[in-house]
Amino acid sequence: MLWPRTVWLLLMAASLSVAADDKKAVNPDNTKVNTRDRNEAAPTADRQKMNPADRELTRKIRSAVMDDKSLSTYAHNVKIISQDGMVTLKGPVRSDEEKKTIEAKAAEIAGSGNVKNQMSVAPPKDGK
């Protein structure tokens, strides 16, 4: 009766091996972005000001972005960082049009000249 147990153990070992190979295959390289954000002066989400005015500014911009259903999931997930009324937008979007749309929404809420656009256009997946 050990045979079924042995087969089960072999199948489990094979599936773990396949899972390990899958993890090796997907290894995004965002080293350049991470290096940019290591600078202490660079605005990052963890350095978001927690004063009520900046929180409310970020909330309004996030709400405007999320309400626009024409934007991609990438665009809905951009980082919106407010520091003393200045807004920085970071992260990938799917097109230059999305970059402009999000920047316009932020400028409408934060005021012209109070938005830094550091978003990038993500390359299409699988060449699509």
C-alpha atoms as a PDB file:
ATOM      1  CA  MET A   1       0.000   0.000   0.000  1.00  0.00           C
ATOM      2  CA  LEU A   2       2.973   2.330  -0.099  1.00  0.00           C
ATOM      3  CA  TRP A   3       2.648   2.780  -3.851  1.00  0.00           C
ATOM      4  CA  PRO A   4      -0.156   5.431  -3.784  1.00  0.00           C
ATOM      5  CA  ARG A   5       1.737   7.401  -1.140  1.00  0.00           C
ATOM      6  CA  THR A   6       4.933   7.293  -3.189  1.00  0.00           C
ATOM      7  CA  VAL A   7       3.073   8.523  -6.281  1.00  0.00           C
ATOM      8  CA  TRP A   8       1.521  11.332  -4.242  1.00  0.00           C
ATOM      9  CA  LEU A   9       4.948  12.408  -2.935  1.00  0.00           C
ATOM     10  CA  LEU A  10       6.412  12.371  -6.438  1.00  0.00           C
ATOM     11  CA  LEU A  11       3.528  14.474  -7.780  1.00  0.00           C
ATOM     12  CA  MET A  12       3.947  16.997  -4.964  1.00  0.00           C
ATOM     13  CA  ALA A  13       7.691  17.260  -5.591  1.00  0.00           C
ATOM     14  CA  ALA A  14       7.083  17.783  -9.319  1.00  0.00           C
ATOM     15  CA  SER A  15       4.528  20.529  -8.700  1.00  0.00           C
ATOM     16  CA  LEU A  16       6.894  22.335  -6.325  1.00  0.00           C
ATOM     17  CA  SER A  17       9.615  22.159  -8.944  1.00  0.00           C
ATOM     18  CA  VAL A  18       7.295  23.652 -11.591  1.00  0.00           C
ATOM     19  CA  ALA A  19       6.238  26.423  -9.187  1.00  0.00           C
ATOM     20  CA  ALA A  20       9.890  27.249  -8.484  1.00  0.00           C
ATOM     21  CA  ASP A  21      10.609  27.429 -12.232  1.00  0.00           C
ATOM     22  CA  ASP A  22       7.630  29.776 -12.726  1.00  0.00           C
ATOM     23  CA  LYS A  23       8.980  32.163 -10.094  1.00  0.00           C
ATOM     24  CA  LYS A  24      12.357  32.280 -11.811  1.00  0.00           C
ATOM     25  CA  ALA A  25      10.755  33.076 -15.170  1.00  0.00           C
ATOM     26  CA  VAL A  26       8.931  36.178 -13.877  1.00  0.00           C
ATOM     27  CA  ASN A  27      11.559  38.530 -12.579  1.00  0.00           C
ATOM     28  CA  PRO A  28      10.723  42.159 -13.429  1.00  0.00           C
ATOM     29  CA  ASP A  29      13.604  44.559 -13.372  1.00  0.00           C
ATOM     30  CA  ASN A  30      12.607  47.865 -11.849  1.00  0.00           C
ATOM     31  CA  THR A  31      16.049  48.650 -10.485  1.00  0.00           C
ATOM     32  CA  LYS A  32      16.181  52.075 -12.149  1.00  0.00           C
ATOM     33  CA  VAL A  33      12.864  53.121 -10.585  1.00  0.00           C
ATOM     34  CA  ASN A  34      13.914  51.867  -7.167  1.00  0.00           C
ATOM     35  CA  THR A  35      17.231  53.714  -7.422  1.00  0.00           C
ATOM     36  CA  ARG A  36      15.406  56.944  -8.286  1.00  0.00           C
ATOM     37  CA  ASP A  37      13.172  56.593  -5.226  1.00  0.00           C
ATOM     38  CA  ARG A  38      16.053  55.964  -2.798  1.00  0.00           C
ATOM     39  CA  ASN A  39      16.889  59.660  -2.862  1.00  0.00           C
ATOM     40  CA  GLU A  40      15.629  61.110   0.434  1.00  0.00           C
ATOM     41  CA  ALA A  41      14.291  64.180  -1.372  1.00  0.00           C
ATOM     42  CA  ALA A  42      12.229  62.104  -3.832  1.00  0.00           C
ATOM     43  CA  PRO A  43       8.533  62.038  -2.964  1.00  0.00           C
ATOM     44  CA  THR A  44       7.307  58.503  -2.348  1.00  0.00           C
ATOM     45  CA  ALA A  45       4.019  57.174  -1.021  1.00  0.00           C
ATOM     46  CA  ASP A  46       5.526  56.433   2.390  1.00  0.00           C
ATOM     47  CA  ARG A  47       6.581  60.082   2.673  1.00  0.00           C
ATOM     48  CA  GLN A  48       3.047  61.366   2.022  1.00  0.00           C
ATOM     49  CA  LYS A  49       2.254  64.234   4.378  1.00  0.00           C
ATOM     50  CA  MET A  50      -0.415  63.316   6.883  1.00  0.00           C
ATOM     51  CA  ASN A  51      -1.813  66.780   7.464  1.00  0.00           C
ATOM     52  CA  PRO A  52      -5.557  67.083   6.719  1.00  0.00           C
ATOM     53  CA  ALA A  53      -5.130  69.381   3.700  1.00  0.00           C
ATOM     54  CA  ASP A  54      -2.719  67.041   1.885  1.00  0.00           C
ATOM     55  CA  ARG A  55      -4.776  63.957   2.724  1.00  0.00           C
ATOM     56  CA  GLU A  56      -7.898  65.633   1.364  1.00  0.00           C
ATOM     57  CA  LEU A  57      -6.053  66.752  -1.775  1.00  0.00           C
ATOM     58  CA  THR A  58      -4.879  63.194  -2.431  1.00  0.00           C
ATOM     59  CA  ARG A  59      -8.357  61.817  -1.719  1.00  0.00           C
ATOM     60  CA  LYS A  60     -10.011  64.197  -4.214  1.00  0.00           C
ATOM     61  CA  ILE A  61      -7.516  63.372  -6.967  1.00  0.00           C
ATOM     62  CA  ARG A  62      -7.777  59.625  -6.320  1.00  0.00           C
ATOM     63  CA  SER A  63     -11.570  59.875  -6.451  1.00  0.00           C
ATOM     64  CA  ALA A  64     -11.457  61.751  -9.778  1.00  0.00           C
ATOM     65  CA  VAL A  65      -9.091  59.152 -11.264  1.00  0.00           C
ATOM     66  CA  MET A  66     -11.160  56.209 -10.032  1.00  0.00           C
ATOM     67  CA  ASP A  67     -14.402  57.742 -11.302  1.00  0.00           C
ATOM     68  CA  ASP A  68     -13.018  57.787 -14.855  1.00  0.00           C
ATOM     69  CA  LYS A  69     -13.883  54.289 -16.083  1.00  0.00           C
ATOM     70  CA  SER A  70     -12.151  54.904 -19.417  1.00  0.00           C
ATOM     71  CA  LEU A  71      -8.762  54.680 -17.661  1.00  0.00           C
ATOM     72  CA  SER A  72      -6.856  51.398 -17.406  1.00  0.00           C
ATOM     73  CA  THR A  73      -6.185  49.514 -14.197  1.00  0.00           C
ATOM     74  CA  TYR A  74      -2.625  50.807 -14.421  1.00  0.00           C
ATOM     75  CA  ALA A  75      -3.914  54.381 -14.446  1.00  0.00           C
ATOM     76  CA  HIS A  76      -6.270  53.716 -11.548  1.00  0.00           C
ATOM     77  CA  ASN A  77      -3.261  52.577  -9.518  1.00  0.00           C
ATOM     78  CA  VAL A  78      -0.877  55.501 -10.039  1.00  0.00           C
ATOM     79  CA  LYS A  79       0.741  56.876  -6.918  1.00  0.00           C
ATOM     80  CA  ILE A  80      -0.597  60.256  -5.853  1.00  0.00           C
ATOM     81  CA  ILE A  81       1.672  61.950  -3.334  1.00  0.00           C
ATOM     82  CA  SER A  82       0.783  65.306  -1.786  1.00  0.00           C
ATOM     83  CA  GLN A  83       3.322  67.335   0.149  1.00  0.00           C
ATOM     84  CA  ASP A  84       2.397  70.847   1.257  1.00  0.00           C
ATOM     85  CA  GLY A  85      -0.049  71.287  -1.629  1.00  0.00           C
ATOM     86  CA  MET A  86       2.387  69.990  -4.265  1.00  0.00           C
ATOM     87  CA  VAL A  87       1.255  66.759  -5.962  1.00  0.00           C
ATOM     88  CA  THR A  88       3.577  64.180  -7.515  1.00  0.00           C
ATOM     89  CA  LEU A  89       2.137  61.508  -9.816  1.00  0.00           C
ATOM     90  CA  LYS A  90       4.165  58.312 -10.241  1.00  0.00           C
ATOM     91  CA  GLY A  91       3.742  54.898 -11.756  1.00  0.00           C
ATOM     92  CA  PRO A  92       3.019  53.266 -15.081  1.00  0.00           C
ATOM     93  CA  VAL A  93      -0.002  53.969 -17.282  1.00  0.00           C
ATOM     94  CA  ARG A  94      -0.951  52.477 -20.630  1.00  0.00           C
ATOM     95  CA  SER A  95      -0.649  55.547 -22.879  1.00  0.00           C
ATOM     96  CA  ASP A  96       0.419  59.172 -23.178  1.00  0.00           C
ATOM     97  CA  GLU A  97      -3.291  60.030 -23.280  1.00  0.00           C
ATOM     98  CA  GLU A  98      -3.766  58.487 -19.827  1.00  0.00           C
ATOM     99  CA  LYS A  99      -0.776  60.462 -18.517  1.00  0.00           C
ATOM    100  CA  LYS A 100      -2.316  63.698 -19.788  1.00  0.00           C
ATOM    101  CA  THR A 101      -5.782  62.839 -18.466  1.00  0.00           C
ATOM    102  CA  ILE A 102      -4.556  62.087 -14.949  1.00  0.00           C
ATOM    103  CA  GLU A 103      -2.293  65.133 -14.900  1.00  0.00           C
ATOM    104  CA  ALA A 104      -5.230  67.331 -15.998  1.00  0.00           C
ATOM    105  CA  LYS A 105      -7.469  65.913 -13.259  1.00  0.00           C
ATOM    106  CA  ALA A 106      -4.769  66.549 -10.650  1.00  0.00           C
ATOM    107  CA  ALA A 107      -4.099  70.093 -11.911  1.00  0.00           C
ATOM    108  CA  GLU A 108      -7.813  70.895 -11.839  1.00  0.00           C
ATOM    109  CA  ILE A 109      -7.937  69.935  -8.159  1.00  0.00           C
ATOM    110  CA  ALA A 110      -4.473  70.995  -6.927  1.00  0.00           C
ATOM    111  CA  GLY A 111      -4.087  74.031  -9.158  1.00  0.00           C
ATOM    112  CA  SER A 112      -2.020  74.681 -12.239  1.00  0.00           C
ATOM    113  CA  GLY A 113       1.705  74.456 -11.526  1.00  0.00           C
ATOM    114  CA  ASN A 114       1.215  72.266  -8.439  1.00  0.00           C
ATOM    115  CA  VAL A 115       1.546  68.904 -10.200  1.00  0.00           C
ATOM    116  CA  LYS A 116       4.721  66.995 -11.066  1.00  0.00           C
ATOM    117  CA  ASN A 117       4.085  64.289 -13.631  1.00  0.00           C
ATOM    118  CA  GLN A 118       6.568  61.425 -13.160  1.00  0.00           C
ATOM    119  CA  MET A 119       4.340  58.742 -14.683  1.00  0.00           C
ATOM    120  CA  SER A 120       5.662  56.446 -17.384  1.00  0.00           C
ATOM    121  CA  VAL A 121       4.004  54.535 -20.195  1.00  0.00           C
ATOM    122  CA  ALA A 122       4.231  50.793 -19.576  1.00  0.00           C
ATOM    123  CA  PRO A 123       5.154  48.654 -22.563  1.00  0.00           C
ATOM    124  CA  PRO A 124       2.300  46.435 -23.756  1.00  0.00           C
ATOM    125  CA  LYS A 125       2.251  42.900 -22.382  1.00  0.00           C
ATOM    126  CA  ASP A 126       3.227  40.102 -24.779  1.00  0.00           C
ATOM    127  CA  GLY A 127       3.814  42.524 -27.633  1.00  0.00           C
ATOM    128  CA  LYS A 128       0.121  43.517 -27.830  1.00  0.00           C
END
